[in-house]
Structure formats: C-alpha cells, structure tokens
Amino acid sequence: MTIFSLFNFLGGSFELYDHPDNPLPECPKTPNCARTTFKIDSEPEYTFLLCQTVLEAIGVHDLHVNQDELKISSVFKVFIFKDDFVIKLQPADEK
C-alpha cells in the first residue's frame, strides 16, 4: 500500500474496484497470492510515473518497466523469500 498511500498524500484518490476484466492473471490456489484492483482518479501516465519512482526509491529487485503497456513488474526480497509485485494501469475508457 506504500504507493497508493503516497498517491493519496499527493491529492489523488483511489478505491477498491471489482473489475470484471482484470488485466492481471488470476491468483493460483495458494494462500500467498493477492490480486487487487483500484480505480484511481488520475491520469494513467502520472500514476505510472509515481509508481515507478516509488518502487525505484524503495529498492525492489528485478524491476521491469513497460511504458507502452503501462505495466511494471518487480520482485521484493523479504529475508530468503521473493514476492512478485505487478502493476498494470488501464485508462478508464479501456476494457
């Protein structure tokens, strides 16, 4: 939630959203996966840049940025474990 907390601090707003056509794949049937969709009141390019800046600042591993698809993939290392973290933005008019 660090990224979205910062976004809220900067004057943006976001809310949980049940997206019928979520662009991220379904979670496998394991207890250690979460897929959350937010509806954000901001330009996707601004939100994308903010997310990229925060991820770089907190030092994630394996940061992959795809500007054309507005998608960021990264890996957090927590002790010996690795957690994948993906952000995929879509403009409101895209489905």
Protein backbone atom coordinates (compact mmCIF):
# COMPACT_ATOMS: atom_id res chain seq x y z
CA MET A 1 0.00 0.00 0.00
CA THR A 2 3.00 2.33 0.12
CA ILE A 3 2.49 3.51 -3.45
CA PHE A 4 -1.18 4.25 -3.00
CA SER A 5 -0.63 5.92 0.36
CA LEU A 6 1.81 8.29 -1.31
CA PHE A 7 -0.65 8.88 -4.14
CA ASN A 8 -3.37 9.76 -1.61
CA PHE A 9 -0.95 12.09 0.19
CA LEU A 10 -0.30 13.94 -3.08
CA GLY A 11 -4.00 14.66 -3.50
CA GLY A 12 -5.17 11.74 -5.61
CA SER A 13 -7.92 9.36 -4.68
CA PHE A 14 -8.37 5.64 -5.17
CA GLU A 15 -10.87 3.00 -4.21
CA LEU A 16 -11.11 -0.77 -4.39
CA TYR A 17 -12.81 -1.80 -7.60
CA ASP A 18 -14.26 -5.10 -8.76
CA HIS A 19 -13.02 -5.07 -12.36
CA PRO A 20 -14.82 -7.69 -14.48
CA ASP A 21 -11.95 -7.88 -16.99
CA ASN A 22 -8.94 -7.59 -14.69
CA PRO A 23 -5.80 -7.37 -16.86
CA LEU A 24 -3.76 -9.44 -14.39
CA PRO A 25 -3.97 -13.24 -14.31
CA GLU A 26 -5.98 -14.98 -11.60
CA CYS A 27 -4.10 -15.99 -8.48
CA PRO A 28 -3.21 -19.66 -8.16
CA LYS A 29 -4.98 -21.61 -5.41
CA THR A 30 -2.40 -20.72 -2.76
CA PRO A 31 -2.74 -18.62 0.40
CA ASN A 32 0.15 -16.32 -0.51
CA CYS A 33 -1.30 -14.54 -3.53
CA ALA A 34 -3.42 -11.41 -3.71
CA ARG A 35 -4.80 -9.57 -6.72
CA THR A 36 -6.33 -6.20 -6.00
CA THR A 37 -7.79 -3.69 -8.43
CA PHE A 38 -8.06 0.00 -7.68
CA LYS A 39 -9.96 2.69 -9.50
CA ILE A 40 -7.69 5.76 -9.43
CA ASP A 41 -8.77 9.32 -10.10
CA SER A 42 -5.68 10.43 -12.04
CA GLU A 43 -4.08 10.31 -15.46
CA PRO A 44 -2.59 6.82 -16.02
CA GLU A 45 0.76 8.24 -17.16
CA TYR A 46 1.11 10.28 -13.94
CA THR A 47 0.17 7.31 -11.76
CA PHE A 48 2.58 5.08 -13.71
CA LEU A 49 5.47 7.50 -13.19
CA LEU A 50 4.64 7.81 -9.48
CA CYS A 51 4.57 4.02 -9.04
CA GLN A 52 7.86 3.60 -10.90
CA THR A 53 9.52 6.32 -8.80
CA VAL A 54 8.38 4.78 -5.51
CA LEU A 55 9.46 1.26 -6.49
CA GLU A 56 12.89 2.53 -7.52
CA ALA A 57 13.20 4.51 -4.26
CA ILE A 58 12.41 1.53 -2.04
CA GLY A 59 14.91 -0.66 -3.89
CA VAL A 60 12.95 -3.54 -5.38
CA HIS A 61 14.80 -6.29 -7.24
CA ASP A 62 14.30 -7.14 -10.91
CA LEU A 63 12.35 -4.02 -11.88
CA HIS A 64 10.92 -4.31 -15.40
CA VAL A 65 9.11 -1.27 -16.80
CA ASN A 66 7.00 -1.42 -19.96
CA GLN A 67 5.96 2.16 -20.71
CA ASP A 68 3.92 1.16 -23.80
CA GLU A 69 1.70 -1.23 -21.81
CA LEU A 70 1.79 0.86 -18.59
CA LYS A 71 3.00 -2.26 -16.78
CA ILE A 72 5.63 -2.63 -14.07
CA SER A 73 6.87 -5.99 -12.79
CA SER A 74 9.15 -6.22 -9.80
CA VAL A 75 10.35 -8.55 -7.09
CA PHE A 76 10.65 -7.80 -3.39
CA LYS A 77 13.11 -9.81 -1.37
CA VAL A 78 12.00 -10.43 2.21
CA PHE A 79 14.62 -12.45 4.08
CA ILE A 80 15.06 -15.53 1.87
CA PHE A 81 11.66 -15.20 0.19
CA LYS A 82 10.85 -13.40 -3.04
CA ASP A 83 7.49 -11.75 -3.70
CA ASP A 84 6.36 -10.70 -7.16
CA PHE A 85 4.62 -7.36 -7.48
CA VAL A 86 2.93 -6.27 -10.72
CA ILE A 87 1.20 -3.00 -11.57
CA LYS A 88 -0.86 -2.74 -14.76
CA LEU A 89 -2.66 0.52 -15.47
CA GLN A 90 -5.56 0.99 -17.86
CA PRO A 91 -7.26 4.23 -18.84
CA ALA A 92 -10.90 4.36 -17.71
CA ASP A 93 -12.19 4.01 -21.29
CA GLU A 94 -10.27 0.74 -21.90
CA LYS A 95 -11.74 -2.65 -21.06
